[in-house]
Amino acid sequence: MNEFEFKRNELLAIKVIKGLASRNMTGYYAPSREEALRIALELIPEGSSVTMGGGESVHAIGLPDALKQGDYNFIDRDDYKDKRAAMLAAYDADVFLSSANAMTEDGVLINIDGNANRVSAIAQGPKKVVFVVGMNKVCDDVDGAMKRARNVAAPINVQRFGLNTPCSKTGSCVDCKSPDTICCQFLMTRYSRHEGRIHVILVNDTLGF
């Protein structure tokens, strides 16, 4: 990223944060991954129960490792033989960590899910949701964000998971009904009724897919 792209992202983040505020959500700007990690840890009180539903961007800033090394109850579903039990634990967690498949310049978050554990926890359950979102995921509007989620994030993720879907072969969405589809549940978060629940850290970097 050159200095002009960096500055453009910095200015755009101001607009996104204002959009989030108008939707009763709180936005933060992080010029680096290190700053994003600092902000995230400030939002998570020590002693909190914390879990997540995947999220390459969350891993990219080193947040899971920091939580495992600190005074937190980090619920790592990879440590559970019973994955369903780990997923259910998320609904009663103090903090749920996630990224977004895409978001709009005026603060709407778009997420697509296969098992729905991630989108359902974003919508309801955990006391606080902390998103880590690279500026590469910010789109003009809902239509653009939905297209990004379906035509960029989904094909990359099915490749990552080794799934057999049409988009794994074509690289773009064909609105499939494949048994392996990860586009089962679509969540558009356009407003938070609960003040102080949803926090979005915008990172001036390319994170996730």
C-alpha atoms as a PDB file:
ATOM      1  CA  MET A   1       0.000   0.000   0.000  1.00  0.00           C
ATOM      2  CA  ASN A   2       1.474   3.377  -0.962  1.00  0.00           C
ATOM      3  CA  GLU A   3       1.129   6.604   1.014  1.00  0.00           C
ATOM      4  CA  PHE A   4      -1.768   7.835  -1.132  1.00  0.00           C
ATOM      5  CA  GLU A   5      -3.809   4.668  -0.636  1.00  0.00           C
ATOM      6  CA  PHE A   6      -3.057   4.840   3.073  1.00  0.00           C
ATOM      7  CA  LYS A   7      -4.284   8.438   3.279  1.00  0.00           C
ATOM      8  CA  ARG A   8      -7.406   7.640   1.261  1.00  0.00           C
ATOM      9  CA  ASN A   9      -8.232   4.803   3.666  1.00  0.00           C
ATOM     10  CA  GLU A  10      -7.627   7.072   6.645  1.00  0.00           C
ATOM     11  CA  LEU A  11     -10.100   9.623   5.302  1.00  0.00           C
ATOM     12  CA  LEU A  12     -12.644   6.966   4.361  1.00  0.00           C
ATOM     13  CA  ALA A  13     -12.449   5.478   7.854  1.00  0.00           C
ATOM     14  CA  ILE A  14     -13.710   8.785   9.275  1.00  0.00           C
ATOM     15  CA  LYS A  15     -16.820   8.481   7.093  1.00  0.00           C
ATOM     16  CA  VAL A  16     -17.349   4.832   8.056  1.00  0.00           C
ATOM     17  CA  ILE A  17     -17.038   5.615  11.776  1.00  0.00           C
ATOM     18  CA  LYS A  18     -19.670   8.366  11.434  1.00  0.00           C
ATOM     19  CA  GLY A  19     -21.928   5.887   9.654  1.00  0.00           C
ATOM     20  CA  LEU A  20     -21.493   3.357  12.425  1.00  0.00           C
ATOM     21  CA  ALA A  21     -22.314   5.987  15.058  1.00  0.00           C
ATOM     22  CA  SER A  22     -25.559   6.803  13.230  1.00  0.00           C
ATOM     23  CA  ARG A  23     -26.424   3.103  13.569  1.00  0.00           C
ATOM     24  CA  ASN A  24     -25.739   2.928  17.319  1.00  0.00           C
ATOM     25  CA  MET A  25     -22.438   1.112  16.772  1.00  0.00           C
ATOM     26  CA  THR A  26     -18.951   2.296  17.702  1.00  0.00           C
ATOM     27  CA  GLY A  27     -16.092   2.520  15.242  1.00  0.00           C
ATOM     28  CA  TYR A  28     -12.343   2.886  15.815  1.00  0.00           C
ATOM     29  CA  TYR A  29      -9.519   3.622  13.395  1.00  0.00           C
ATOM     30  CA  ALA A  30      -6.263   1.687  13.642  1.00  0.00           C
ATOM     31  CA  PRO A  31      -3.397   2.725  11.343  1.00  0.00           C
ATOM     32  CA  SER A  32      -1.649  -0.610  11.955  1.00  0.00           C
ATOM     33  CA  ARG A  33      -2.260  -4.169  13.111  1.00  0.00           C
ATOM     34  CA  GLU A  34      -0.423  -3.396  16.344  1.00  0.00           C
ATOM     35  CA  GLU A  35      -2.769  -0.503  17.090  1.00  0.00           C
ATOM     36  CA  ALA A  36      -5.767  -2.670  16.237  1.00  0.00           C
ATOM     37  CA  LEU A  37      -4.604  -5.226  18.799  1.00  0.00           C
ATOM     38  CA  ARG A  38      -4.190  -2.516  21.439  1.00  0.00           C
ATOM     39  CA  ILE A  39      -7.706  -1.193  20.819  1.00  0.00           C
ATOM     40  CA  ALA A  40      -9.206  -4.687  20.889  1.00  0.00           C
ATOM     41  CA  LEU A  41      -7.591  -5.514  24.227  1.00  0.00           C
ATOM     42  CA  GLU A  42      -8.877  -2.222  25.668  1.00  0.00           C
ATOM     43  CA  LEU A  43     -12.393  -3.296  24.700  1.00  0.00           C
ATOM     44  CA  ILE A  44     -12.085  -6.687  26.431  1.00  0.00           C
ATOM     45  CA  PRO A  45     -11.906  -6.494  30.244  1.00  0.00           C
ATOM     46  CA  GLU A  46      -9.640  -9.001  31.950  1.00  0.00           C
ATOM     47  CA  GLY A  47     -11.542 -12.010  33.235  1.00  0.00           C
ATOM     48  CA  SER A  48     -13.985 -11.905  30.311  1.00  0.00           C
ATOM     49  CA  SER A  49     -15.148 -15.020  28.536  1.00  0.00           C
ATOM     50  CA  VAL A  50     -14.232 -14.565  24.874  1.00  0.00           C
ATOM     51  CA  THR A  51     -14.861 -16.637  21.782  1.00  0.00           C
ATOM     52  CA  MET A  52     -14.981 -16.276  18.030  1.00  0.00           C
ATOM     53  CA  GLY A  53     -16.315 -17.859  14.867  1.00  0.00           C
ATOM     54  CA  GLY A  54     -13.315 -18.159  12.584  1.00  0.00           C
ATOM     55  CA  GLY A  55     -12.056 -14.774  11.421  1.00  0.00           C
ATOM     56  CA  GLU A  56      -8.723 -14.572   9.611  1.00  0.00           C
ATOM     57  CA  SER A  57      -8.575 -10.838  10.346  1.00  0.00           C
ATOM     58  CA  VAL A  58      -8.813 -11.475  14.085  1.00  0.00           C
ATOM     59  CA  HIS A  59      -5.879 -13.881  13.837  1.00  0.00           C
ATOM     60  CA  ALA A  60      -3.947 -11.453  11.607  1.00  0.00           C
ATOM     61  CA  ILE A  61      -3.646  -8.879  14.409  1.00  0.00           C
ATOM     62  CA  GLY A  62      -2.615 -11.558  16.930  1.00  0.00           C
ATOM     63  CA  LEU A  63      -5.671 -11.214  19.149  1.00  0.00           C
ATOM     64  CA  PRO A  64      -6.343 -14.916  19.949  1.00  0.00           C
ATOM     65  CA  ASP A  65      -2.722 -15.464  21.015  1.00  0.00           C
ATOM     66  CA  ALA A  66      -2.811 -12.352  23.207  1.00  0.00           C
ATOM     67  CA  LEU A  67      -6.005 -13.545  24.891  1.00  0.00           C
ATOM     68  CA  LYS A  68      -4.591 -17.029  25.509  1.00  0.00           C
ATOM     69  CA  GLN A  69      -1.552 -15.491  27.178  1.00  0.00           C
ATOM     70  CA  GLY A  70      -3.592 -13.061  29.280  1.00  0.00           C
ATOM     71  CA  ASP A  71      -6.139 -13.235  32.078  1.00  0.00           C
ATOM     72  CA  TYR A  72      -9.121 -14.203  29.928  1.00  0.00           C
ATOM     73  CA  ASN A  73     -11.349 -17.233  29.507  1.00  0.00           C
ATOM     74  CA  PHE A  74     -10.761 -17.766  25.796  1.00  0.00           C
ATOM     75  CA  ILE A  75     -13.104 -20.416  24.433  1.00  0.00           C
ATOM     76  CA  ASP A  76     -11.169 -21.946  21.532  1.00  0.00           C
ATOM     77  CA  ARG A  77     -13.431 -24.275  19.582  1.00  0.00           C
ATOM     78  CA  ASP A  78     -10.356 -26.059  18.230  1.00  0.00           C
ATOM     79  CA  ASP A  79      -9.823 -27.338  21.782  1.00  0.00           C
ATOM     80  CA  TYR A  80     -13.299 -28.881  21.906  1.00  0.00           C
ATOM     81  CA  LYS A  81     -14.053 -32.397  20.716  1.00  0.00           C
ATOM     82  CA  ASP A  82     -17.711 -31.392  20.728  1.00  0.00           C
ATOM     83  CA  LYS A  83     -17.752 -28.450  18.295  1.00  0.00           C
ATOM     84  CA  ARG A  84     -21.443 -27.863  18.918  1.00  0.00           C
ATOM     85  CA  ALA A  85     -20.746 -27.289  22.620  1.00  0.00           C
ATOM     86  CA  ALA A  86     -18.120 -24.693  21.721  1.00  0.00           C
ATOM     87  CA  MET A  87     -20.500 -22.948  19.348  1.00  0.00           C
ATOM     88  CA  LEU A  88     -23.282 -22.882  21.947  1.00  0.00           C
ATOM     89  CA  ALA A  89     -20.884 -21.420  24.528  1.00  0.00           C
ATOM     90  CA  ALA A  90     -20.530 -18.383  22.288  1.00  0.00           C
ATOM     91  CA  TYR A  91     -24.090 -17.239  22.995  1.00  0.00           C
ATOM     92  CA  ASP A  92     -23.342 -16.747  26.685  1.00  0.00           C
ATOM     93  CA  ALA A  93     -19.879 -15.223  26.208  1.00  0.00           C
ATOM     94  CA  ASP A  94     -18.980 -11.746  27.381  1.00  0.00           C
ATOM     95  CA  VAL A  95     -17.279 -10.963  24.064  1.00  0.00           C
ATOM     96  CA  PHE A  96     -17.600 -12.434  20.572  1.00  0.00           C
ATOM     97  CA  LEU A  97     -14.871 -11.714  18.022  1.00  0.00           C
ATOM     98  CA  SER A  98     -15.496 -11.572  14.306  1.00  0.00           C
ATOM     99  CA  SER A  99     -14.605  -9.917  11.067  1.00  0.00           C
ATOM    100  CA  ALA A 100     -17.007  -9.001   8.283  1.00  0.00           C
ATOM    101  CA  ASN A 101     -17.213 -10.333   4.757  1.00  0.00           C
ATOM    102  CA  ALA A 102     -17.879  -6.763   3.666  1.00  0.00           C
ATOM    103  CA  MET A 103     -19.253  -3.475   4.926  1.00  0.00           C
ATOM    104  CA  THR A 104     -20.493  -0.233   3.463  1.00  0.00           C
ATOM    105  CA  GLU A 105     -19.094   3.264   3.698  1.00  0.00           C
ATOM    106  CA  ASP A 106     -22.081   4.253   5.825  1.00  0.00           C
ATOM    107  CA  GLY A 107     -21.622   1.459   8.360  1.00  0.00           C
ATOM    108  CA  VAL A 108     -23.720  -1.540   7.296  1.00  0.00           C
ATOM    109  CA  LEU A 109     -22.030  -4.908   7.997  1.00  0.00           C
ATOM    110  CA  ILE A 110     -22.576  -7.885   5.686  1.00  0.00           C
ATOM    111  CA  ASN A 111     -21.834 -11.467   6.714  1.00  0.00           C
ATOM    112  CA  ILE A 112     -22.509 -14.823   5.071  1.00  0.00           C
ATOM    113  CA  ASP A 113     -22.321 -18.112   6.961  1.00  0.00           C
ATOM    114  CA  GLY A 114     -22.615 -21.832   6.363  1.00  0.00           C
ATOM    115  CA  ASN A 115     -23.414 -23.193   9.831  1.00  0.00           C
ATOM    116  CA  ALA A 116     -24.872 -19.879  11.045  1.00  0.00           C
ATOM    117  CA  ASN A 117     -23.028 -20.020  14.368  1.00  0.00           C
ATOM    118  CA  ARG A 118     -21.131 -16.828  13.521  1.00  0.00           C
ATOM    119  CA  VAL A 119     -24.004 -14.753  12.169  1.00  0.00           C
ATOM    120  CA  SER A 120     -26.367 -15.881  14.914  1.00  0.00           C
ATOM    121  CA  ALA A 121     -23.885 -14.847  17.623  1.00  0.00           C
ATOM    122  CA  ILE A 122     -23.400 -11.479  15.932  1.00  0.00           C
ATOM    123  CA  ALA A 123     -27.153 -10.961  15.924  1.00  0.00           C
ATOM    124  CA  GLN A 124     -27.939 -12.109  19.456  1.00  0.00           C
ATOM    125  CA  GLY A 125     -26.353 -13.615  22.564  1.00  0.00           C
ATOM    126  CA  PRO A 126     -22.882 -12.345  23.511  1.00  0.00           C
ATOM    127  CA  LYS A 127     -22.846  -9.153  25.563  1.00  0.00           C
ATOM    128  CA  LYS A 128     -20.337  -7.479  23.238  1.00  0.00           C
ATOM    129  CA  VAL A 129     -19.256  -8.063  19.638  1.00  0.00           C
ATOM    130  CA  VAL A 130     -15.876  -6.808  18.451  1.00  0.00           C
ATOM    131  CA  PHE A 131     -15.230  -6.750  14.697  1.00  0.00           C
ATOM    132  CA  VAL A 132     -11.763  -6.468  13.168  1.00  0.00           C
ATOM    133  CA  VAL A 133     -12.168  -5.219   9.588  1.00  0.00           C
ATOM    134  CA  GLY A 134      -9.488  -4.362   7.048  1.00  0.00           C
ATOM    135  CA  MET A 135     -10.193  -1.323   4.898  1.00  0.00           C
ATOM    136  CA  ASN A 136     -10.060  -3.636   1.866  1.00  0.00           C
ATOM    137  CA  LYS A 137     -13.559  -4.809   2.838  1.00  0.00           C
ATOM    138  CA  VAL A 138     -15.245  -1.388   2.703  1.00  0.00           C
ATOM    139  CA  CYS A 139     -17.590  -1.023  -0.300  1.00  0.00           C
ATOM    140  CA  ASP A 140     -19.671   1.833  -1.702  1.00  0.00           C
ATOM    141  CA  ASP A 141     -23.087   0.480  -0.750  1.00  0.00           C
ATOM    142  CA  VAL A 142     -25.056  -2.616   0.279  1.00  0.00           C
ATOM    143  CA  ASP A 143     -25.191  -3.934  -3.273  1.00  0.00           C
ATOM    144  CA  GLY A 144     -21.416  -3.648  -3.592  1.00  0.00           C
ATOM    145  CA  ALA A 145     -20.883  -5.206  -0.164  1.00  0.00           C
ATOM    146  CA  MET A 146     -23.150  -8.135  -0.983  1.00  0.00           C
ATOM    147  CA  LYS A 147     -21.334  -8.668  -4.276  1.00  0.00           C
ATOM    148  CA  ARG A 148     -18.001  -8.639  -2.483  1.00  0.00           C
ATOM    149  CA  ALA A 149     -19.203 -11.152   0.103  1.00  0.00           C
ATOM    150  CA  ARG A 150     -20.525 -13.524  -2.560  1.00  0.00           C
ATOM    151  CA  ASN A 151     -17.922 -13.085  -5.304  1.00  0.00           C
ATOM    152  CA  VAL A 152     -14.729 -12.459  -3.353  1.00  0.00           C
ATOM    153  CA  ALA A 153     -15.015 -13.751   0.214  1.00  0.00           C
ATOM    154  CA  ALA A 154     -17.084 -16.869  -0.477  1.00  0.00           C
ATOM    155  CA  PRO A 155     -14.993 -18.322  -3.353  1.00  0.00           C
ATOM    156  CA  ILE A 156     -11.774 -17.758  -1.402  1.00  0.00           C
ATOM    157  CA  ASN A 157     -13.200 -19.335   1.747  1.00  0.00           C
ATOM    158  CA  VAL A 158     -14.493 -22.461  -0.022  1.00  0.00           C
ATOM    159  CA  GLN A 159     -11.024 -22.892  -1.512  1.00  0.00           C
ATOM    160  CA  ARG A 160      -9.559 -22.468   1.976  1.00  0.00           C
ATOM    161  CA  PHE A 161     -11.906 -25.086   3.423  1.00  0.00           C
ATOM    162  CA  GLY A 162     -11.483 -27.479   0.497  1.00  0.00           C
ATOM    163  CA  LEU A 163     -15.185 -27.496  -0.364  1.00  0.00           C
ATOM    164  CA  ASN A 164     -16.720 -28.626  -3.647  1.00  0.00           C
ATOM    165  CA  THR A 165     -18.895 -25.772  -4.850  1.00  0.00           C
ATOM    166  CA  PRO A 166     -19.285 -24.167  -8.281  1.00  0.00           C
ATOM    167  CA  CYS A 167     -17.531 -20.994  -7.090  1.00  0.00           C
ATOM    168  CA  SER A 168     -14.488 -23.059  -6.105  1.00  0.00           C
ATOM    169  CA  LYS A 169     -14.107 -23.813  -9.817  1.00  0.00           C
ATOM    170  CA  THR A 170     -15.310 -20.555 -11.402  1.00  0.00           C
ATOM    171  CA  GLY A 171     -14.125 -18.022  -8.819  1.00  0.00           C
ATOM    172  CA  SER A 172     -17.487 -16.268  -8.699  1.00  0.00           C
ATOM    173  CA  CYS A 173     -20.945 -16.870  -7.262  1.00  0.00           C
ATOM    174  CA  VAL A 174     -23.515 -18.844  -9.268  1.00  0.00           C
ATOM    175  CA  ASP A 175     -26.190 -18.746  -6.536  1.00  0.00           C
ATOM    176  CA  CYS A 176     -25.734 -22.482  -6.003  1.00  0.00           C
ATOM    177  CA  LYS A 177     -27.584 -24.969  -3.832  1.00  0.00           C
ATOM    178  CA  SER A 178     -24.576 -27.235  -3.493  1.00  0.00           C
ATOM    179  CA  PRO A 179     -24.437 -29.442  -0.375  1.00  0.00           C
ATOM    180  CA  ASP A 180     -21.107 -27.747   0.363  1.00  0.00           C
ATOM    181  CA  THR A 181     -22.363 -24.182   0.001  1.00  0.00           C
ATOM    182  CA  ILE A 182     -21.286 -21.749   2.701  1.00  0.00           C
ATOM    183  CA  CYS A 183     -23.833 -19.171   1.551  1.00  0.00           C
ATOM    184  CA  CYS A 184     -26.650 -20.506   3.741  1.00  0.00           C
ATOM    185  CA  GLN A 185     -27.363 -17.552   5.994  1.00  0.00           C
ATOM    186  CA  PHE A 186     -27.024 -13.852   5.127  1.00  0.00           C
ATOM    187  CA  LEU A 187     -26.875 -11.257   7.914  1.00  0.00           C
ATOM    188  CA  MET A 188     -27.113  -7.523   7.282  1.00  0.00           C
ATOM    189  CA  THR A 189     -26.361  -5.565  10.454  1.00  0.00           C
ATOM    190  CA  ARG A 190     -27.731  -2.084   9.769  1.00  0.00           C
ATOM    191  CA  TYR A 191     -28.472  -0.944  13.335  1.00  0.00           C
ATOM    192  CA  SER A 192     -27.796  -2.075  16.893  1.00  0.00           C
ATOM    193  CA  ARG A 193     -30.683  -1.661  19.296  1.00  0.00           C
ATOM    194  CA  HIS A 194     -28.296  -2.240  22.208  1.00  0.00           C
ATOM    195  CA  GLU A 195     -25.934   0.675  22.756  1.00  0.00           C
ATOM    196  CA  GLY A 196     -22.340  -0.327  23.427  1.00  0.00           C
ATOM    197  CA  ARG A 197     -22.730  -3.863  22.068  1.00  0.00           C
ATOM    198  CA  ILE A 198     -21.150  -3.669  18.611  1.00  0.00           C
ATOM    199  CA  HIS A 199     -17.637  -2.299  18.121  1.00  0.00           C
ATOM    200  CA  VAL A 200     -15.822  -2.161  14.768  1.00  0.00           C
ATOM    201  CA  ILE A 201     -12.058  -1.705  14.533  1.00  0.00           C
ATOM    202  CA  LEU A 202     -11.136  -0.459  11.049  1.00  0.00           C
ATOM    203  CA  VAL A 203      -7.554  -1.414  10.212  1.00  0.00           C
ATOM    204  CA  ASN A 204      -5.650   0.475   7.520  1.00  0.00           C
ATOM    205  CA  ASP A 205      -4.333  -2.751   6.040  1.00  0.00           C
ATOM    206  CA  THR A 206      -5.441  -5.601   3.812  1.00  0.00           C
ATOM    207  CA  LEU A 207      -6.875  -8.222   6.149  1.00  0.00           C
ATOM    208  CA  GLY A 208      -8.842 -11.398   5.544  1.00  0.00           C
ATOM    209  CA  PHE A 209     -10.775 -12.256   2.420  1.00  0.00           C
END
